[in-house]
Structure formats: C-alpha cells, structure tokens
Amino acid sequence: MAHREPEDQPVSMKFLSSLQSMPPKDRQRLLALGLVLVALMLWTWQISPALKTLRDMPAQLAQLQDQTQKLKLMQAQAQALQKSPRVQAKDARTLLQKVATDNLDNGARLNIEGTRAMLTLSRVSAESLAQFLALARTQAQALPIEAQLQKFSDAGATKTNTPADLWRGTLILSLPGG
C-alpha cells in the first residue's frame, strides 16, 4: 500500500493533524473562537432577523387592522351607494343646488348645464367643501370629474385673528341621467 505524502492529504486532514499537534491551550482557544464565530453567524443570520420581526409585529398588525377597518368602511359606503335608488337628472339638479346653497353659502356659485355642473369657489372652508362633496355624492349622485382648487389663508376670516385656510377655484361634477 502506498503511503501518502503530506501534500497529497485533503485540507480537512491537514487541519485535523495540525490541530492535534497544537498545545491544549491553543486548541481550546481555537475551539472557543470557532464557537464564537458560529454563535455570531447564528445571531446575524437567524436569531436577530426573527427577533426584529417579532418586535415589529404588533405595530404592523395594528396598521393592517386600521387598513382593514378603512376598507370595510369604504366597502359599506360603496354598497350603500349601489343600493340607493337612481336619481333622475331633474331631481339631481335640484338636490345639488340645495346642497350647494345649504353648505357653501355665498362662497360658491353653481352653474348646471345638462349633465355637468360647474362649481366656482371663492372663499370656502375645507369642512364646508368636504361636506358638500359628500352630500353631493350621496344625495344627488354627482361625481367630481375635474378640480382646479387653490388653498389660501385669510386672516380676517375668524374672530380670533388667526388665519383660516380657505379654498378657491373650480370643480366640475358629473350628474346622473346622461
């Protein structure tokens, strides 16, 4: 049987033979270093990412629950709009005019031609505009199709002399019955 020369031995065998030829203290140090290296690799690639995911889970779960609630609310609104009876064009015009008069006061002018309504805003608060849009959609079934709005501040708009944010511009709505 041929005896192998040290150059012909595999790397693992060379490593084991050099390990056995080391003094015991050096072997223990090398073993400790190897364990620390393995522990560091485990921490970096296995344990730390899992712990981060576990820490982040409650915040992500709360965010997903909020999104789910918003989606369910939007679904309920969409279903309510689908189930509501269709408004005739003449009734939609009357309802839209009433909603605009009730919610926008003198800060807006409504011009209705056929199935389009153009709302010109001059000094309307965000709350009034939002309420108008919600009622226009639910009552008159009018949908905004174009908006060119600008936000501006008006210092004289409130009694406390703090600037109030108001809106001006045009809003085009599509009415049913076209």
C-alpha atoms as a PDB file:
ATOM      1  CA  MET A   1       0.000   0.000   0.000  1.00  0.00           C
ATOM      2  CA  ALA A   2       1.335   3.416  -0.927  1.00  0.00           C
ATOM      3  CA  HIS A   3       1.879   5.879   1.832  1.00  0.00           C
ATOM      4  CA  ARG A   4       0.598   9.399   1.065  1.00  0.00           C
ATOM      5  CA  GLU A   5       2.845  12.364   1.284  1.00  0.00           C
ATOM      6  CA  PRO A   6       1.588  15.330   3.342  1.00  0.00           C
ATOM      7  CA  GLU A   7       0.954  17.298   0.129  1.00  0.00           C
ATOM      8  CA  ASP A   8      -1.492  14.650  -1.094  1.00  0.00           C
ATOM      9  CA  GLN A   9      -3.705  14.791   2.016  1.00  0.00           C
ATOM     10  CA  PRO A  10      -7.032  16.621   1.852  1.00  0.00           C
ATOM     11  CA  VAL A  11      -7.276  20.014   3.545  1.00  0.00           C
ATOM     12  CA  SER A  12      -9.502  18.699   6.327  1.00  0.00           C
ATOM     13  CA  MET A  13      -6.957  16.035   7.215  1.00  0.00           C
ATOM     14  CA  LYS A  14      -4.168  18.613   7.234  1.00  0.00           C
ATOM     15  CA  PHE A  15      -6.248  20.825   9.513  1.00  0.00           C
ATOM     16  CA  LEU A  16      -7.001  17.969  11.914  1.00  0.00           C
ATOM     17  CA  SER A  17      -3.379  16.886  12.093  1.00  0.00           C
ATOM     18  CA  SER A  18      -2.193  20.451  12.729  1.00  0.00           C
ATOM     19  CA  LEU A  19      -4.922  20.843  15.359  1.00  0.00           C
ATOM     20  CA  GLN A  20      -3.766  17.701  17.149  1.00  0.00           C
ATOM     21  CA  SER A  21      -0.171  18.870  17.079  1.00  0.00           C
ATOM     22  CA  MET A  22      -1.105  22.143  18.875  1.00  0.00           C
ATOM     23  CA  PRO A  23      -0.755  22.566  22.596  1.00  0.00           C
ATOM     24  CA  PRO A  24      -4.061  22.002  24.529  1.00  0.00           C
ATOM     25  CA  LYS A  25      -4.468  25.698  25.449  1.00  0.00           C
ATOM     26  CA  ASP A  26      -4.199  26.749  21.796  1.00  0.00           C
ATOM     27  CA  ARG A  27      -6.741  24.085  20.810  1.00  0.00           C
ATOM     28  CA  GLN A  28      -9.165  25.392  23.461  1.00  0.00           C
ATOM     29  CA  ARG A  29      -8.687  28.966  22.250  1.00  0.00           C
ATOM     30  CA  LEU A  30      -9.266  27.935  18.643  1.00  0.00           C
ATOM     31  CA  LEU A  31     -12.364  25.970  19.654  1.00  0.00           C
ATOM     32  CA  ALA A  32     -13.669  28.960  21.643  1.00  0.00           C
ATOM     33  CA  LEU A  33     -13.019  31.243  18.659  1.00  0.00           C
ATOM     34  CA  GLY A  34     -14.876  28.808  16.396  1.00  0.00           C
ATOM     35  CA  LEU A  35     -17.840  28.693  18.786  1.00  0.00           C
ATOM     36  CA  VAL A  36     -17.930  32.495  18.975  1.00  0.00           C
ATOM     37  CA  LEU A  37     -17.842  32.676  15.175  1.00  0.00           C
ATOM     38  CA  VAL A  38     -20.668  30.135  14.846  1.00  0.00           C
ATOM     39  CA  ALA A  39     -22.700  31.974  17.509  1.00  0.00           C
ATOM     40  CA  LEU A  40     -22.142  35.299  15.701  1.00  0.00           C
ATOM     41  CA  MET A  41     -23.253  33.807  12.394  1.00  0.00           C
ATOM     42  CA  LEU A  42     -26.352  32.302  14.017  1.00  0.00           C
ATOM     43  CA  TRP A  43     -27.207  35.624  15.640  1.00  0.00           C
ATOM     44  CA  THR A  44     -26.649  37.650  12.474  1.00  0.00           C
ATOM     45  CA  TRP A  45     -28.491  35.423  10.011  1.00  0.00           C
ATOM     46  CA  GLN A  46     -31.059  33.573  12.100  1.00  0.00           C
ATOM     47  CA  ILE A  47     -31.951  34.957  15.504  1.00  0.00           C
ATOM     48  CA  SER A  48     -31.674  38.742  15.034  1.00  0.00           C
ATOM     49  CA  PRO A  49     -33.982  38.950  11.974  1.00  0.00           C
ATOM     50  CA  ALA A  50     -36.538  36.747  13.712  1.00  0.00           C
ATOM     51  CA  LEU A  51     -36.480  38.925  16.842  1.00  0.00           C
ATOM     52  CA  LYS A  52     -36.825  42.088  14.740  1.00  0.00           C
ATOM     53  CA  THR A  53     -39.857  40.591  13.007  1.00  0.00           C
ATOM     54  CA  LEU A  54     -41.312  39.645  16.365  1.00  0.00           C
ATOM     55  CA  ARG A  55     -40.735  43.178  17.731  1.00  0.00           C
ATOM     56  CA  ASP A  56     -42.250  44.854  14.669  1.00  0.00           C
ATOM     57  CA  MET A  57     -45.289  42.566  14.501  1.00  0.00           C
ATOM     58  CA  PRO A  58     -47.612  44.466  16.900  1.00  0.00           C
ATOM     59  CA  ALA A  59     -47.166  47.760  15.021  1.00  0.00           C
ATOM     60  CA  GLN A  60     -47.644  46.066  11.663  1.00  0.00           C
ATOM     61  CA  LEU A  61     -50.696  44.214  12.949  1.00  0.00           C
ATOM     62  CA  ALA A  62     -52.244  47.462  14.212  1.00  0.00           C
ATOM     63  CA  GLN A  63     -51.554  49.119  10.862  1.00  0.00           C
ATOM     64  CA  LEU A  64     -53.163  46.221   8.993  1.00  0.00           C
ATOM     65  CA  GLN A  65     -56.210  46.337  11.283  1.00  0.00           C
ATOM     66  CA  ASP A  66     -56.579  50.080  10.594  1.00  0.00           C
ATOM     67  CA  GLN A  67     -56.354  49.452   6.867  1.00  0.00           C
ATOM     68  CA  THR A  68     -58.901  46.652   7.151  1.00  0.00           C
ATOM     69  CA  GLN A  69     -61.318  48.924   9.037  1.00  0.00           C
ATOM     70  CA  LYS A  70     -60.933  51.658   6.388  1.00  0.00           C
ATOM     71  CA  LEU A  71     -61.509  49.161   3.593  1.00  0.00           C
ATOM     72  CA  LYS A  72     -64.610  47.774   5.319  1.00  0.00           C
ATOM     73  CA  LEU A  73     -65.955  51.313   5.751  1.00  0.00           C
ATOM     74  CA  MET A  74     -65.314  52.074   2.086  1.00  0.00           C
ATOM     75  CA  GLN A  75     -66.971  48.778   1.124  1.00  0.00           C
ATOM     76  CA  ALA A  76     -70.052  49.635   3.194  1.00  0.00           C
ATOM     77  CA  GLN A  77     -70.231  53.079   1.588  1.00  0.00           C
ATOM     78  CA  ALA A  78     -69.901  51.594  -1.891  1.00  0.00           C
ATOM     79  CA  GLN A  79     -72.617  49.026  -1.173  1.00  0.00           C
ATOM     80  CA  ALA A  80     -74.904  51.737   0.202  1.00  0.00           C
ATOM     81  CA  LEU A  81     -74.370  53.813  -2.939  1.00  0.00           C
ATOM     82  CA  GLN A  82     -75.048  50.787  -5.144  1.00  0.00           C
ATOM     83  CA  LYS A  83     -78.279  50.001  -3.305  1.00  0.00           C
ATOM     84  CA  SER A  84     -79.554  53.586  -3.303  1.00  0.00           C
ATOM     85  CA  PRO A  85     -82.221  54.310  -5.910  1.00  0.00           C
ATOM     86  CA  ARG A  86     -81.084  56.094  -9.044  1.00  0.00           C
ATOM     87  CA  VAL A  87     -81.775  59.800  -9.061  1.00  0.00           C
ATOM     88  CA  GLN A  88     -83.359  61.348 -12.137  1.00  0.00           C
ATOM     89  CA  ALA A  89     -81.457  64.166 -13.858  1.00  0.00           C
ATOM     90  CA  LYS A  90     -84.009  66.842 -12.871  1.00  0.00           C
ATOM     91  CA  ASP A  91     -84.010  65.700  -9.232  1.00  0.00           C
ATOM     92  CA  ALA A  92     -80.196  65.568  -9.214  1.00  0.00           C
ATOM     93  CA  ARG A  93     -80.015  69.209 -10.353  1.00  0.00           C
ATOM     94  CA  THR A  94     -82.472  70.292  -7.661  1.00  0.00           C
ATOM     95  CA  LEU A  95     -80.694  68.308  -4.948  1.00  0.00           C
ATOM     96  CA  LEU A  96     -77.262  69.594  -5.979  1.00  0.00           C
ATOM     97  CA  GLN A  97     -78.498  73.186  -5.950  1.00  0.00           C
ATOM     98  CA  LYS A  98     -79.968  72.676  -2.467  1.00  0.00           C
ATOM     99  CA  VAL A  99     -76.783  71.026  -1.148  1.00  0.00           C
ATOM    100  CA  ALA A 100     -74.652  73.860  -2.545  1.00  0.00           C
ATOM    101  CA  THR A 101     -76.914  76.544  -1.058  1.00  0.00           C
ATOM    102  CA  ASP A 102     -77.099  74.833   2.342  1.00  0.00           C
ATOM    103  CA  ASN A 103     -73.384  74.083   2.702  1.00  0.00           C
ATOM    104  CA  LEU A 104     -71.408  76.671   0.756  1.00  0.00           C
ATOM    105  CA  ASP A 105     -73.310  79.895   1.496  1.00  0.00           C
ATOM    106  CA  ASN A 106     -72.088  82.834  -0.588  1.00  0.00           C
ATOM    107  CA  GLY A 107     -68.612  81.360  -1.118  1.00  0.00           C
ATOM    108  CA  ALA A 108     -69.645  79.435  -4.227  1.00  0.00           C
ATOM    109  CA  ARG A 109     -71.623  79.752  -7.430  1.00  0.00           C
ATOM    110  CA  LEU A 110     -73.169  76.705  -9.123  1.00  0.00           C
ATOM    111  CA  ASN A 111     -73.856  76.579 -12.860  1.00  0.00           C
ATOM    112  CA  ILE A 112     -75.632  73.470 -14.195  1.00  0.00           C
ATOM    113  CA  GLU A 113     -75.730  72.640 -17.915  1.00  0.00           C
ATOM    114  CA  GLY A 114     -77.094  69.256 -18.936  1.00  0.00           C
ATOM    115  CA  THR A 115     -75.323  66.532 -17.000  1.00  0.00           C
ATOM    116  CA  ARG A 116     -72.425  68.760 -15.937  1.00  0.00           C
ATOM    117  CA  ALA A 117     -72.280  71.149 -13.033  1.00  0.00           C
ATOM    118  CA  MET A 118     -69.527  73.712 -12.582  1.00  0.00           C
ATOM    119  CA  LEU A 119     -68.974  74.950  -9.067  1.00  0.00           C
ATOM    120  CA  THR A 120     -66.922  78.137  -8.766  1.00  0.00           C
ATOM    121  CA  LEU A 121     -65.490  78.600  -5.281  1.00  0.00           C
ATOM    122  CA  SER A 122     -64.255  81.913  -3.928  1.00  0.00           C
ATOM    123  CA  ARG A 123     -63.993  81.574  -0.125  1.00  0.00           C
ATOM    124  CA  VAL A 124     -64.978  78.118   1.099  1.00  0.00           C
ATOM    125  CA  SER A 125     -63.633  76.288   4.140  1.00  0.00           C
ATOM    126  CA  ALA A 126     -62.288  72.762   3.802  1.00  0.00           C
ATOM    127  CA  GLU A 127     -65.002  71.419   6.106  1.00  0.00           C
ATOM    128  CA  SER A 128     -67.785  73.000   4.041  1.00  0.00           C
ATOM    129  CA  LEU A 129     -66.280  71.714   0.806  1.00  0.00           C
ATOM    130  CA  ALA A 130     -65.879  68.185   2.187  1.00  0.00           C
ATOM    131  CA  GLN A 131     -69.454  68.184   3.466  1.00  0.00           C
ATOM    132  CA  PHE A 132     -70.719  69.471   0.131  1.00  0.00           C
ATOM    133  CA  LEU A 133     -68.860  66.758  -1.797  1.00  0.00           C
ATOM    134  CA  ALA A 134     -70.133  64.006   0.497  1.00  0.00           C
ATOM    135  CA  LEU A 135     -73.746  65.165   0.250  1.00  0.00           C
ATOM    136  CA  ALA A 136     -73.477  65.791  -3.499  1.00  0.00           C
ATOM    137  CA  ARG A 137     -72.334  62.211  -3.960  1.00  0.00           C
ATOM    138  CA  THR A 138     -74.890  60.559  -1.683  1.00  0.00           C
ATOM    139  CA  GLN A 139     -77.951  62.709  -2.358  1.00  0.00           C
ATOM    140  CA  ALA A 140     -77.546  63.994  -5.919  1.00  0.00           C
ATOM    141  CA  GLN A 141     -75.225  61.158  -7.014  1.00  0.00           C
ATOM    142  CA  ALA A 142     -72.907  63.772  -8.518  1.00  0.00           C
ATOM    143  CA  LEU A 143     -69.293  62.747  -9.054  1.00  0.00           C
ATOM    144  CA  PRO A 144     -66.363  65.162  -9.277  1.00  0.00           C
ATOM    145  CA  ILE A 145     -64.572  64.734 -12.604  1.00  0.00           C
ATOM    146  CA  GLU A 146     -62.254  67.742 -12.585  1.00  0.00           C
ATOM    147  CA  ALA A 147     -60.948  70.079  -9.926  1.00  0.00           C
ATOM    148  CA  GLN A 148     -58.713  73.127 -10.022  1.00  0.00           C
ATOM    149  CA  LEU A 149     -58.514  74.321  -6.448  1.00  0.00           C
ATOM    150  CA  GLN A 150     -56.162  76.602  -4.556  1.00  0.00           C
ATOM    151  CA  LYS A 151     -55.754  76.823  -0.811  1.00  0.00           C
ATOM    152  CA  PHE A 152     -55.197  80.266   0.697  1.00  0.00           C
ATOM    153  CA  SER A 153     -55.196  81.854   4.136  1.00  0.00           C
ATOM    154  CA  ASP A 154     -57.483  84.674   5.168  1.00  0.00           C
ATOM    155  CA  ALA A 155     -56.544  86.476   8.403  1.00  0.00           C
ATOM    156  CA  GLY A 156     -59.878  88.247   8.683  1.00  0.00           C
ATOM    157  CA  ALA A 157     -61.959  85.107   8.343  1.00  0.00           C
ATOM    158  CA  THR A 158     -62.088  84.262  12.053  1.00  0.00           C
ATOM    159  CA  LYS A 159     -62.770  86.219  15.215  1.00  0.00           C
ATOM    160  CA  THR A 160     -59.516  85.093  16.854  1.00  0.00           C
ATOM    161  CA  ASN A 161     -57.361  86.806  14.195  1.00  0.00           C
ATOM    162  CA  THR A 162     -55.661  83.536  13.306  1.00  0.00           C
ATOM    163  CA  PRO A 163     -55.523  82.825   9.583  1.00  0.00           C
ATOM    164  CA  ALA A 164     -58.176  80.427   8.311  1.00  0.00           C
ATOM    165  CA  ASP A 165     -57.454  78.136   5.368  1.00  0.00           C
ATOM    166  CA  LEU A 166     -59.962  78.640   2.583  1.00  0.00           C
ATOM    167  CA  TRP A 167     -60.350  77.260  -0.931  1.00  0.00           C
ATOM    168  CA  ARG A 168     -60.986  78.888  -4.298  1.00  0.00           C
ATOM    169  CA  GLY A 169     -61.168  77.553  -7.832  1.00  0.00           C
ATOM    170  CA  THR A 170     -63.492  75.421  -9.923  1.00  0.00           C
ATOM    171  CA  LEU A 171     -64.938  71.970  -9.522  1.00  0.00           C
ATOM    172  CA  ILE A 172     -66.742  70.138 -12.303  1.00  0.00           C
ATOM    173  CA  LEU A 173     -69.266  67.469 -11.353  1.00  0.00           C
ATOM    174  CA  SER A 174     -70.992  64.849 -13.464  1.00  0.00           C
ATOM    175  CA  LEU A 175     -74.705  64.415 -12.780  1.00  0.00           C
ATOM    176  CA  PRO A 176     -76.692  61.216 -13.354  1.00  0.00           C
ATOM    177  CA  GLY A 177     -79.054  60.828 -16.249  1.00  0.00           C
ATOM    178  CA  GLY A 178     -76.699  61.487 -19.137  1.00  0.00           C
END
